[in-house]
Every structure is written in C-alpha cells, then in structure tokens.
Amino acid sequence: MTNHDTHAQPHIVSAQVYFMIFGALMLCTALTVWISFIDLGFLNTIIAITIAVFKATLVILYFMHVRYGSRLIWLIAAAGFFWLILLLALGMSDYMTRQPITFPSG
C-alpha cells in the first residue's frame, strides 16, 4: 500500500498578493464613491453593480482560495453565481411588472 496523501496540500499565498488584492478592493471602493457623485442617469447603477461584481470576484478567487481550488470547487462557485443571477433576475422581473402605488389625496 502506498503512502499517498489523499488530501490536497493548501496553497500558500504570499502576503504581497493579499496586499495587492486589498489595494485593488480599496481602489474599487474609492471608484464607486467617486462615480456616485457624478450624475450619469441609469448608468450609475450599472457601473456600481459592475464594480461590485468585480470586487466580489476578487474576494471569491483570492480570499476564499477558489483560484487555487479543484474543478469541483470551481463548479460549486459557478453554481452559486448562477443561482444568484437567477434570483436577481426573478426578483427584478417581479419588481418591474408591478404597478406604482397611488395614494388617495385628501
């Protein structure tokens, strides 16, 4: 019987990588705040969500170590994103089809 380790060895990430990701997250946060003061109409929301998705991707890939994980970990992370998109799409479709509430005057 061979002495093979059936568990994967943890991937060691240098502190420099963590500091670079942290810097990127802080830069994206500052960018989000800066963009919020500029009136771009409906594009403000789209830009803010795009930056938020980018930040979430960095957190998932590096701080949750999905980047160094197996294919099964990638599949589970992708399934989570799929369900998030599905729930947001269903919620927005419900929200967009509702009639505005009107209150009686007087």
PDB file of N, CA and C in Angstrom:
ATOM      1  N   MET A   1       0.844  -1.165   0.000  1.00  0.00           N
ATOM      2  CA  MET A   1       0.000   0.000   0.000  1.00  0.00           C
ATOM      3  C   MET A   1       0.895   1.236   0.000  1.00  0.00           C
ATOM      4  N   THR A   2       0.630   2.135  -0.895  1.00  0.00           N
ATOM      5  CA  THR A   2       1.458   3.338  -0.982  1.00  0.00           C
ATOM      6  C   THR A   2       1.019   4.366   0.040  1.00  0.00           C
ATOM      7  N   ASN A   3       1.932   5.241   0.354  1.00  0.00           N
ATOM      8  CA  ASN A   3       1.673   6.269   1.352  1.00  0.00           C
ATOM      9  C   ASN A   3       1.377   7.606   0.655  1.00  0.00           C
ATOM     10  N   HIS A   4       0.285   7.640  -0.107  1.00  0.00           N
ATOM     11  CA  HIS A   4      -0.098   8.873  -0.793  1.00  0.00           C
ATOM     12  C   HIS A   4      -1.073   9.648   0.077  1.00  0.00           C
ATOM     13  N   ASP A   5      -0.877  10.949   0.116  1.00  0.00           N
ATOM     14  CA  ASP A   5      -1.785  11.804   0.863  1.00  0.00           C
ATOM     15  C   ASP A   5      -3.011  12.067  -0.004  1.00  0.00           C
ATOM     16  N   THR A   6      -4.181  11.682   0.472  1.00  0.00           N
ATOM     17  CA  THR A   6      -5.396  11.860  -0.319  1.00  0.00           C
ATOM     18  C   THR A   6      -5.946  13.276  -0.219  1.00  0.00           C
ATOM     19  N   HIS A   7      -5.454  14.053   0.709  1.00  0.00           N
ATOM     20  CA  HIS A   7      -5.918  15.425   0.863  1.00  0.00           C
ATOM     21  C   HIS A   7      -4.970  16.362   0.117  1.00  0.00           C
ATOM     22  N   ALA A   8      -5.562  17.347  -0.514  1.00  0.00           N
ATOM     23  CA  ALA A   8      -4.749  18.318  -1.251  1.00  0.00           C
ATOM     24  C   ALA A   8      -3.994  19.207  -0.269  1.00  0.00           C
ATOM     25  N   GLN A   9      -2.793  19.540  -0.633  1.00  0.00           N
ATOM     26  CA  GLN A   9      -1.997  20.430   0.195  1.00  0.00           C
ATOM     27  C   GLN A   9      -2.517  21.854   0.037  1.00  0.00           C
ATOM     28  N   PRO A  10      -2.577  22.631   1.105  1.00  0.00           N
ATOM     29  CA  PRO A  10      -3.050  24.009   0.966  1.00  0.00           C
ATOM     30  C   PRO A  10      -2.068  24.845   0.161  1.00  0.00           C
ATOM     31  N   HIS A  11      -2.623  25.714  -0.640  1.00  0.00           N
ATOM     32  CA  HIS A  11      -1.780  26.584  -1.453  1.00  0.00           C
ATOM     33  C   HIS A  11      -1.357  27.779  -0.613  1.00  0.00           C
ATOM     34  N   ILE A  12      -0.075  28.043  -0.555  1.00  0.00           N
ATOM     35  CA  ILE A  12       0.453  29.161   0.214  1.00  0.00           C
ATOM     36  C   ILE A  12       0.468  30.390  -0.692  1.00  0.00           C
ATOM     37  N   VAL A  13      -0.213  31.438  -0.248  1.00  0.00           N
ATOM     38  CA  VAL A  13      -0.259  32.694  -0.996  1.00  0.00           C
ATOM     39  C   VAL A  13       0.564  33.713  -0.218  1.00  0.00           C
ATOM     40  N   SER A  14       1.409  34.430  -0.940  1.00  0.00           N
ATOM     41  CA  SER A  14       2.266  35.402  -0.261  1.00  0.00           C
ATOM     42  C   SER A  14       1.453  36.593   0.230  1.00  0.00           C
ATOM     43  N   ALA A  15       1.977  37.246   1.233  1.00  0.00           N
ATOM     44  CA  ALA A  15       1.306  38.426   1.786  1.00  0.00           C
ATOM     45  C   ALA A  15       1.230  39.542   0.754  1.00  0.00           C
ATOM     46  N   GLN A  16       2.182  39.596  -0.152  1.00  0.00           N
ATOM     47  CA  GLN A  16       2.176  40.637  -1.190  1.00  0.00           C
ATOM     48  C   GLN A  16       0.924  40.514  -2.069  1.00  0.00           C
ATOM     49  N   VAL A  17       0.516  39.296  -2.385  1.00  0.00           N
ATOM     50  CA  VAL A  17      -0.689  39.096  -3.191  1.00  0.00           C
ATOM     51  C   VAL A  17      -1.907  39.604  -2.432  1.00  0.00           C
ATOM     52  N   TYR A  18      -1.988  39.291  -1.146  1.00  0.00           N
ATOM     53  CA  TYR A  18      -3.111  39.766  -0.338  1.00  0.00           C
ATOM     54  C   TYR A  18      -3.138  41.289  -0.263  1.00  0.00           C
ATOM     55  N   PHE A  19      -1.987  41.911  -0.106  1.00  0.00           N
ATOM     56  CA  PHE A  19      -1.946  43.370  -0.063  1.00  0.00           C
ATOM     57  C   PHE A  19      -2.331  43.982  -1.405  1.00  0.00           C
ATOM     58  N   MET A  20      -1.948  43.349  -2.493  1.00  0.00           N
ATOM     59  CA  MET A  20      -2.332  43.856  -3.813  1.00  0.00           C
ATOM     60  C   MET A  20      -3.842  43.729  -4.030  1.00  0.00           C
ATOM     61  N   ILE A  21      -4.424  42.620  -3.622  1.00  0.00           N
ATOM     62  CA  ILE A  21      -5.867  42.445  -3.744  1.00  0.00           C
ATOM     63  C   ILE A  21      -6.591  43.435  -2.844  1.00  0.00           C
ATOM     64  N   PHE A  22      -6.089  43.634  -1.635  1.00  0.00           N
ATOM     65  CA  PHE A  22      -6.685  44.614  -0.726  1.00  0.00           C
ATOM     66  C   PHE A  22      -6.618  46.012  -1.340  1.00  0.00           C
ATOM     67  N   GLY A  23      -5.486  46.366  -1.940  1.00  0.00           N
ATOM     68  CA  GLY A  23      -5.356  47.661  -2.598  1.00  0.00           C
ATOM     69  C   GLY A  23      -6.336  47.808  -3.752  1.00  0.00           C
ATOM     70  N   ALA A  24      -6.500  46.739  -4.530  1.00  0.00           N
ATOM     71  CA  ALA A  24      -7.460  46.776  -5.640  1.00  0.00           C
ATOM     72  C   ALA A  24      -8.884  46.947  -5.122  1.00  0.00           C
ATOM     73  N   LEU A  25      -9.207  46.278  -4.019  1.00  0.00           N
ATOM     74  CA  LEU A  25     -10.540  46.424  -3.432  1.00  0.00           C
ATOM     75  C   LEU A  25     -10.764  47.845  -2.922  1.00  0.00           C
ATOM     76  N   MET A  26      -9.755  48.438  -2.293  1.00  0.00           N
ATOM     77  CA  MET A  26      -9.890  49.814  -1.816  1.00  0.00           C
ATOM     78  C   MET A  26      -9.995  50.799  -2.978  1.00  0.00           C
ATOM     79  N   LEU A  27      -9.255  50.546  -4.027  1.00  0.00           N
ATOM     80  CA  LEU A  27      -9.334  51.398  -5.219  1.00  0.00           C
ATOM     81  C   LEU A  27     -10.723  51.307  -5.846  1.00  0.00           C
ATOM     82  N   CYS A  28     -11.265  50.125  -5.937  1.00  0.00           N
ATOM     83  CA  CYS A  28     -12.616  49.956  -6.482  1.00  0.00           C
ATOM     84  C   CYS A  28     -13.664  50.618  -5.590  1.00  0.00           C
ATOM     85  N   THR A  29     -13.469  50.558  -4.277  1.00  0.00           N
ATOM     86  CA  THR A  29     -14.389  51.233  -3.366  1.00  0.00           C
ATOM     87  C   THR A  29     -14.335  52.738  -3.566  1.00  0.00           C
ATOM     88  N   ALA A  30     -13.132  53.292  -3.682  1.00  0.00           N
ATOM     89  CA  ALA A  30     -12.993  54.729  -3.935  1.00  0.00           C
ATOM     90  C   ALA A  30     -13.612  55.098  -5.286  1.00  0.00           C
ATOM     91  N   LEU A  31     -13.435  54.250  -6.282  1.00  0.00           N
ATOM     92  CA  LEU A  31     -14.022  54.498  -7.593  1.00  0.00           C
ATOM     93  C   LEU A  31     -15.549  54.498  -7.521  1.00  0.00           C
ATOM     94  N   THR A  32     -16.113  53.588  -6.752  1.00  0.00           N
ATOM     95  CA  THR A  32     -17.558  53.537  -6.579  1.00  0.00           C
ATOM     96  C   THR A  32     -18.075  54.814  -5.928  1.00  0.00           C
ATOM     97  N   VAL A  33     -17.382  55.271  -4.894  1.00  0.00           N
ATOM     98  CA  VAL A  33     -17.793  56.508  -4.223  1.00  0.00           C
ATOM     99  C   VAL A  33     -17.669  57.686  -5.175  1.00  0.00           C
ATOM    100  N   TRP A  34     -16.575  57.759  -5.921  1.00  0.00           N
ATOM    101  CA  TRP A  34     -16.362  58.869  -6.852  1.00  0.00           C
ATOM    102  C   TRP A  34     -17.436  58.887  -7.935  1.00  0.00           C
ATOM    103  N   ILE A  35     -17.752  57.724  -8.490  1.00  0.00           N
ATOM    104  CA  ILE A  35     -18.771  57.632  -9.540  1.00  0.00           C
ATOM    105  C   ILE A  35     -20.151  58.020  -8.999  1.00  0.00           C
ATOM    106  N   SER A  36     -20.397  57.759  -7.726  1.00  0.00           N
ATOM    107  CA  SER A  36     -21.712  58.069  -7.174  1.00  0.00           C
ATOM    108  C   SER A  36     -21.996  59.571  -7.146  1.00  0.00           C
ATOM    109  N   PHE A  37     -20.964  60.391  -7.155  1.00  0.00           N
ATOM    110  CA  PHE A  37     -21.156  61.838  -7.158  1.00  0.00           C
ATOM    111  C   PHE A  37     -21.336  62.407  -8.561  1.00  0.00           C
ATOM    112  N   ILE A  38     -21.156  61.592  -9.585  1.00  0.00           N
ATOM    113  CA  ILE A  38     -21.330  62.034 -10.964  1.00  0.00           C
ATOM    114  C   ILE A  38     -22.685  61.547 -11.446  1.00  0.00           C
ATOM    115  N   ASP A  39     -23.490  62.455 -11.995  1.00  0.00           N
ATOM    116  CA  ASP A  39     -24.823  62.085 -12.456  1.00  0.00           C
ATOM    117  C   ASP A  39     -24.732  61.498 -13.870  1.00  0.00           C
ATOM    118  N   LEU A  40     -24.839  60.198 -13.950  1.00  0.00           N
ATOM    119  CA  LEU A  40     -24.812  59.507 -15.233  1.00  0.00           C
ATOM    120  C   LEU A  40     -26.154  58.865 -15.556  1.00  0.00           C
ATOM    121  N   GLY A  41     -27.180  59.232 -14.811  1.00  0.00           N
ATOM    122  CA  GLY A  41     -28.503  58.649 -15.027  1.00  0.00           C
ATOM    123  C   GLY A  41     -28.541  57.198 -14.605  1.00  0.00           C
ATOM    124  N   PHE A  42     -29.130  56.373 -15.454  1.00  0.00           N
ATOM    125  CA  PHE A  42     -29.245  54.944 -15.124  1.00  0.00           C
ATOM    126  C   PHE A  42     -27.905  54.225 -15.145  1.00  0.00           C
ATOM    127  N   LEU A  43     -26.881  54.847 -15.730  1.00  0.00           N
ATOM    128  CA  LEU A  43     -25.566  54.195 -15.782  1.00  0.00           C
ATOM    129  C   LEU A  43     -24.886  54.123 -14.414  1.00  0.00           C
ATOM    130  N   ASN A  44     -25.283  54.997 -13.477  1.00  0.00           N
ATOM    131  CA  ASN A  44     -24.702  54.933 -12.134  1.00  0.00           C
ATOM    132  C   ASN A  44     -24.904  53.551 -11.509  1.00  0.00           C
ATOM    133  N   THR A  45     -26.107  53.034 -11.619  1.00  0.00           N
ATOM    134  CA  THR A  45     -26.409  51.724 -11.037  1.00  0.00           C
ATOM    135  C   THR A  45     -25.640  50.620 -11.758  1.00  0.00           C
ATOM    136  N   ILE A  46     -25.587  50.689 -13.062  1.00  0.00           N
ATOM    137  CA  ILE A  46     -24.884  49.658 -13.833  1.00  0.00           C
ATOM    138  C   ILE A  46     -23.394  49.653 -13.499  1.00  0.00           C
ATOM    139  N   ILE A  47     -22.795  50.838 -13.409  1.00  0.00           N
ATOM    140  CA  ILE A  47     -21.373  50.930 -13.087  1.00  0.00           C
ATOM    141  C   ILE A  47     -21.108  50.436 -11.668  1.00  0.00           C
ATOM    142  N   ALA A  48     -21.976  50.827 -10.717  1.00  0.00           N
ATOM    143  CA  ALA A  48     -21.793  50.390  -9.332  1.00  0.00           C
ATOM    144  C   ALA A  48     -21.910  48.872  -9.207  1.00  0.00           C
ATOM    145  N   ILE A  49     -22.860  48.276  -9.900  1.00  0.00           N
ATOM    146  CA  ILE A  49     -23.020  46.822  -9.844  1.00  0.00           C
ATOM    147  C   ILE A  49     -21.838  46.125 -10.514  1.00  0.00           C
ATOM    148  N   THR A  50     -21.346  46.687 -11.604  1.00  0.00           N
ATOM    149  CA  THR A  50     -20.184  46.107 -12.283  1.00  0.00           C
ATOM    150  C   THR A  50     -18.961  46.110 -11.367  1.00  0.00           C
ATOM    151  N   ILE A  51     -18.731  47.217 -10.687  1.00  0.00           N
ATOM    152  CA  ILE A  51     -17.602  47.295  -9.756  1.00  0.00           C
ATOM    153  C   ILE A  51     -17.804  46.322  -8.599  1.00  0.00           C
ATOM    154  N   ALA A  52     -19.038  46.211  -8.111  1.00  0.00           N
ATOM    155  CA  ALA A  52     -19.317  45.286  -7.004  1.00  0.00           C
ATOM    156  C   ALA A  52     -19.083  43.837  -7.414  1.00  0.00           C
ATOM    157  N   VAL A  53     -19.457  43.479  -8.625  1.00  0.00           N
ATOM    158  CA  VAL A  53     -19.227  42.109  -9.104  1.00  0.00           C
ATOM    159  C   VAL A  53     -17.727  41.839  -9.234  1.00  0.00           C
ATOM    160  N   PHE A  54     -16.989  42.832  -9.731  1.00  0.00           N
ATOM    161  CA  PHE A  54     -15.534  42.679  -9.828  1.00  0.00           C
ATOM    162  C   PHE A  54     -14.917  42.476  -8.444  1.00  0.00           C
ATOM    163  N   LYS A  55     -15.363  43.265  -7.462  1.00  0.00           N
ATOM    164  CA  LYS A  55     -14.839  43.122  -6.100  1.00  0.00           C
ATOM    165  C   LYS A  55     -15.204  41.763  -5.512  1.00  0.00           C
ATOM    166  N   ALA A  56     -16.432  41.324  -5.735  1.00  0.00           N
ATOM    167  CA  ALA A  56     -16.848  40.011  -5.229  1.00  0.00           C
ATOM    168  C   ALA A  56     -16.030  38.897  -5.861  1.00  0.00           C
ATOM    169  N   THR A  57     -15.721  39.054  -7.149  1.00  0.00           N
ATOM    170  CA  THR A  57     -14.907  38.054  -7.836  1.00  0.00           C
ATOM    171  C   THR A  57     -13.504  37.985  -7.240  1.00  0.00           C
ATOM    172  N   LEU A  58     -12.909  39.140  -6.949  1.00  0.00           N
ATOM    173  CA  LEU A  58     -11.589  39.144  -6.306  1.00  0.00           C
ATOM    174  C   LEU A  58     -11.625  38.458  -4.950  1.00  0.00           C
ATOM    175  N   VAL A  59     -12.653  38.747  -4.164  1.00  0.00           N
ATOM    176  CA  VAL A  59     -12.766  38.132  -2.832  1.00  0.00           C
ATOM    177  C   VAL A  59     -12.921  36.626  -2.955  1.00  0.00           C
ATOM    178  N   ILE A  60     -13.778  36.190  -3.856  1.00  0.00           N
ATOM    179  CA  ILE A  60     -14.005  34.754  -4.014  1.00  0.00           C
ATOM    180  C   ILE A  60     -12.742  34.046  -4.513  1.00  0.00           C
ATOM    181  N   LEU A  61     -12.076  34.640  -5.506  1.00  0.00           N
ATOM    182  CA  LEU A  61     -10.909  33.981  -6.089  1.00  0.00           C
ATOM    183  C   LEU A  61      -9.723  33.925  -5.135  1.00  0.00           C
ATOM    184  N   TYR A  62      -9.454  35.011  -4.434  1.00  0.00           N
ATOM    185  CA  TYR A  62      -8.221  35.069  -3.641  1.00  0.00           C
ATOM    186  C   TYR A  62      -8.436  34.829  -2.152  1.00  0.00           C
ATOM    187  N   PHE A  63      -9.407  35.502  -1.543  1.00  0.00           N
ATOM    188  CA  PHE A  63      -9.575  35.328  -0.101  1.00  0.00           C
ATOM    189  C   PHE A  63     -10.257  34.013   0.250  1.00  0.00           C
ATOM    190  N   MET A  64     -11.082  33.499  -0.666  1.00  0.00           N
ATOM    191  CA  MET A  64     -11.709  32.200  -0.438  1.00  0.00           C
ATOM    192  C   MET A  64     -10.946  31.073  -1.129  1.00  0.00           C
ATOM    193  N   HIS A  65      -9.832  31.398  -1.770  1.00  0.00           N
ATOM    194  CA  HIS A  65      -8.907  30.440  -2.392  1.00  0.00           C
ATOM    195  C   HIS A  65      -9.531  29.584  -3.489  1.00  0.00           C
ATOM    196  N   VAL A  66     -10.557  30.097  -4.149  1.00  0.00           N
ATOM    197  CA  VAL A  66     -11.160  29.347  -5.247  1.00  0.00           C
ATOM    198  C   VAL A  66     -10.198  29.268  -6.430  1.00  0.00           C
ATOM    199  N   ARG A  67      -9.382  30.275  -6.603  1.00  0.00           N
ATOM    200  CA  ARG A  67      -8.431  30.286  -7.730  1.00  0.00           C
ATOM    201  C   ARG A  67      -7.506  29.071  -7.687  1.00  0.00           C
ATOM    202  N   TYR A  68      -7.184  28.621  -6.516  1.00  0.00           N
ATOM    203  CA  TYR A  68      -6.252  27.506  -6.367  1.00  0.00           C
ATOM    204  C   TYR A  68      -6.967  26.194  -6.066  1.00  0.00           C
ATOM    205  N   GLY A  69      -8.290  26.197  -6.156  1.00  0.00           N
ATOM    206  CA  GLY A  69      -9.068  25.014  -5.827  1.00  0.00           C
ATOM    207  C   GLY A  69      -9.211  24.053  -6.998  1.00  0.00           C
ATOM    208  N   SER A  70      -9.831  22.945  -6.708  1.00  0.00           N
ATOM    209  CA  SER A  70     -10.050  21.920  -7.726  1.00  0.00           C
ATOM    210  C   SER A  70     -11.218  22.323  -8.629  1.00  0.00           C
ATOM    211  N   ARG A  71     -11.460  21.502  -9.627  1.00  0.00           N
ATOM    212  CA  ARG A  71     -12.573  21.770 -10.549  1.00  0.00           C
ATOM    213  C   ARG A  71     -13.911  21.704  -9.823  1.00  0.00           C
ATOM    214  N   LEU A  72     -14.006  20.870  -8.821  1.00  0.00           N
ATOM    215  CA  LEU A  72     -15.250  20.773  -8.056  1.00  0.00           C
ATOM    216  C   LEU A  72     -15.527  22.082  -7.321  1.00  0.00           C
ATOM    217  N   ILE A  73     -14.502  22.694  -6.765  1.00  0.00           N
ATOM    218  CA  ILE A  73     -14.661  23.983  -6.090  1.00  0.00           C
ATOM    219  C   ILE A  73     -15.105  25.042  -7.093  1.00  0.00           C
ATOM    220  N   TRP A  74     -14.501  25.039  -8.289  1.00  0.00           N
ATOM    221  CA  TRP A  74     -14.907  25.986  -9.337  1.00  0.00           C
ATOM    222  C   TRP A  74     -16.374  25.764  -9.718  1.00  0.00           C
ATOM    223  N   LEU A  75     -16.789  24.521  -9.812  1.00  0.00           N
ATOM    224  CA  LEU A  75     -18.169  24.201 -10.169  1.00  0.00           C
ATOM    225  C   LEU A  75     -19.133  24.704  -9.100  1.00  0.00           C
ATOM    226  N   ILE A  76     -18.785  24.516  -7.842  1.00  0.00           N
ATOM    227  CA  ILE A  76     -19.641  24.970  -6.754  1.00  0.00           C
ATOM    228  C   ILE A  76     -19.729  26.493  -6.741  1.00  0.00           C
ATOM    229  N   ALA A  77     -18.608  27.177  -6.955  1.00  0.00           N
ATOM    230  CA  ALA A  77     -18.619  28.635  -7.012  1.00  0.00           C
ATOM    231  C   ALA A  77     -19.446  29.133  -8.200  1.00  0.00           C
ATOM    232  N   ALA A  78     -19.314  28.488  -9.345  1.00  0.00           N
ATOM    233  CA  ALA A  78     -20.100  28.872 -10.522  1.00  0.00           C
ATOM    234  C   ALA A  78     -21.588  28.631 -10.288  1.00  0.00           C
ATOM    235  N   ALA A  79     -21.917  27.543  -9.618  1.00  0.00           N
ATOM    236  CA  ALA A  79     -23.323  27.267  -9.311  1.00  0.00           C
ATOM    237  C   ALA A  79     -23.893  28.340  -8.375  1.00  0.00           C
ATOM    238  N   GLY A  80     -23.086  28.801  -7.438  1.00  0.00           N
ATOM    239  CA  GLY A  80     -23.529  29.882  -6.557  1.00  0.00           C
ATOM    240  C   GLY A  80     -23.813  31.158  -7.338  1.00  0.00           C
ATOM    241  N   PHE A  81     -22.929  31.499  -8.279  1.00  0.00           N
ATOM    242  CA  PHE A  81     -23.153  32.678  -9.123  1.00  0.00           C
ATOM    243  C   PHE A  81     -24.396  32.498  -9.994  1.00  0.00           C
ATOM    244  N   PHE A  82     -24.587  31.290 -10.519  1.00  0.00           N
ATOM    245  CA  PHE A  82     -25.750  31.021 -11.345  1.00  0.00           C
ATOM    246  C   PHE A  82     -27.034  31.262 -10.560  1.00  0.00           C
ATOM    247  N   TRP A  83     -27.112  30.723  -9.345  1.00  0.00           N
ATOM    248  CA  TRP A  83     -28.311  30.894  -8.536  1.00  0.00           C
ATOM    249  C   TRP A  83     -28.505  32.350  -8.123  1.00  0.00           C
ATOM    250  N   LEU A  84     -27.418  33.055  -7.861  1.00  0.00           N
ATOM    251  CA  LEU A  84     -27.537  34.475  -7.532  1.00  0.00           C
ATOM    252  C   LEU A  84     -28.128  35.248  -8.705  1.00  0.00           C
ATOM    253  N   ILE A  85     -27.630  34.996  -9.905  1.00  0.00           N
ATOM    254  CA  ILE A  85     -28.147  35.673 -11.093  1.00  0.00           C
ATOM    255  C   ILE A  85     -29.608  35.300 -11.320  1.00  0.00           C
ATOM    256  N   LEU A  86     -29.947  34.037 -11.127  1.00  0.00           N
ATOM    257  CA  LEU A  86     -31.327  33.597 -11.294  1.00  0.00           C
ATOM    258  C   LEU A  86     -32.249  34.296 -10.299  1.00  0.00           C
ATOM    259  N   LEU A  87     -31.851  34.354  -9.041  1.00  0.00           N
ATOM    260  CA  LEU A  87     -32.687  35.006  -8.038  1.00  0.00           C
ATOM    261  C   LEU A  87     -32.826  36.503  -8.304  1.00  0.00           C
ATOM    262  N   LEU A  88     -31.739  37.167  -8.714  1.00  0.00           N
ATOM    263  CA  LEU A  88     -31.828  38.586  -9.033  1.00  0.00           C
ATOM    264  C   LEU A  88     -32.720  38.823 -10.244  1.00  0.00           C
ATOM    265  N   ALA A  89     -32.616  37.980 -11.258  1.00  0.00           N
ATOM    266  CA  ALA A  89     -33.442  38.134 -12.455  1.00  0.00           C
ATOM    267  C   ALA A  89     -34.923  37.930 -12.126  1.00  0.00           C
ATOM    268  N   LEU A  90     -35.229  36.914 -11.335  1.00  0.00           N
ATOM    269  CA  LEU A  90     -36.621  36.680 -10.965  1.00  0.00           C
ATOM    270  C   LEU A  90     -37.160  37.806 -10.087  1.00  0.00           C
ATOM    271  N   GLY A  91     -36.347  38.281  -9.169  1.00  0.00           N
ATOM    272  CA  GLY A  91     -36.772  39.393  -8.317  1.00  0.00           C
ATOM    273  C   GLY A  91     -36.997  40.668  -9.113  1.00  0.00           C
ATOM    274  N   MET A  92     -36.092  40.949 -10.050  1.00  0.00           N
ATOM    275  CA  MET A  92     -36.251  42.155 -10.871  1.00  0.00           C
ATOM    276  C   MET A  92     -37.434  42.035 -11.816  1.00  0.00           C
ATOM    277  N   SER A  93     -37.699  40.845 -12.345  1.00  0.00           N
ATOM    278  CA  SER A  93     -38.855  40.692 -13.224  1.00  0.00           C
ATOM    279  C   SER A  93     -40.145  40.923 -12.447  1.00  0.00           C
ATOM    280  N   ASP A  94     -40.208  40.499 -11.199  1.00  0.00           N
ATOM    281  CA  ASP A  94     -41.372  40.773 -10.365  1.00  0.00           C
ATOM    282  C   ASP A  94     -41.479  42.265 -10.069  1.00  0.00           C
ATOM    283  N   TYR A  95     -40.386  42.888  -9.724  1.00  0.00           N
ATOM    284  CA  TYR A  95     -40.381  44.309  -9.383  1.00  0.00           C
ATOM    285  C   TYR A  95     -40.767  45.182 -10.574  1.00  0.00           C
ATOM    286  N   MET A  96     -40.258  44.852 -11.753  1.00  0.00           N
ATOM    287  CA  MET A  96     -40.505  45.676 -12.939  1.00  0.00           C
ATOM    288  C   MET A  96     -41.935  45.546 -13.463  1.00  0.00           C
ATOM    289  N   THR A  97     -42.653  44.489 -13.119  1.00  0.00           N
ATOM    290  CA  THR A  97     -44.014  44.308 -13.612  1.00  0.00           C
ATOM    291  C   THR A  97     -45.077  44.830 -12.657  1.00  0.00           C
ATOM    292  N   ARG A  98     -44.694  45.362 -11.528  1.00  0.00           N
ATOM    293  CA  ARG A  98     -45.664  45.882 -10.570  1.00  0.00           C
ATOM    294  C   ARG A  98     -46.114  47.283 -10.977  1.00  0.00           C
ATOM    295  N   GLN A  99     -47.348  47.578 -10.625  1.00  0.00           N
ATOM    296  CA  GLN A  99     -47.887  48.909 -10.868  1.00  0.00           C
ATOM    297  C   GLN A  99     -47.476  49.822  -9.725  1.00  0.00           C
ATOM    298  N   PRO A 100     -47.247  51.100 -10.016  1.00  0.00           N
ATOM    299  CA  PRO A 100     -46.888  52.022  -8.923  1.00  0.00           C
ATOM    300  C   PRO A 100     -48.057  52.198  -7.955  1.00  0.00           C
ATOM    301  N   ILE A 101     -47.708  52.377  -6.701  1.00  0.00           N
ATOM    302  CA  ILE A 101     -48.718  52.567  -5.679  1.00  0.00           C
ATOM    303  C   ILE A 101     -49.176  54.028  -5.709  1.00  0.00           C
ATOM    304  N   THR A 102     -50.474  54.214  -5.781  1.00  0.00           N
ATOM    305  CA  THR A 102     -51.020  55.575  -5.739  1.00  0.00           C
ATOM    306  C   THR A 102     -51.818  55.718  -4.448  1.00  0.00           C
ATOM    307  N   PHE A 103     -51.597  56.797  -3.755  1.00  0.00           N
ATOM    308  CA  PHE A 103     -52.292  57.077  -2.520  1.00  0.00           C
ATOM    309  C   PHE A 103     -53.390  58.094  -2.783  1.00  0.00           C
ATOM    310  N   PRO A 104     -54.541  57.892  -2.171  1.00  0.00           N
ATOM    311  CA  PRO A 104     -55.622  58.867  -2.372  1.00  0.00           C
ATOM    312  C   PRO A 104     -55.252  60.205  -1.740  1.00  0.00           C
ATOM    313  N   SER A 105     -55.597  61.270  -2.410  1.00  0.00           N
ATOM    314  CA  SER A 105     -55.281  62.602  -1.860  1.00  0.00           C
ATOM    315  C   SER A 105     -56.388  63.010  -0.898  1.00  0.00           C
ATOM    316  N   GLY A 106     -56.008  63.773   0.082  1.00  0.00           N
ATOM    317  CA  GLY A 106     -57.026  64.319   0.984  1.00  0.00           C
ATOM    318  C   GLY A 106     -56.822  63.809   2.317  1.00  0.00           C
TER     319      GLY A 106
END
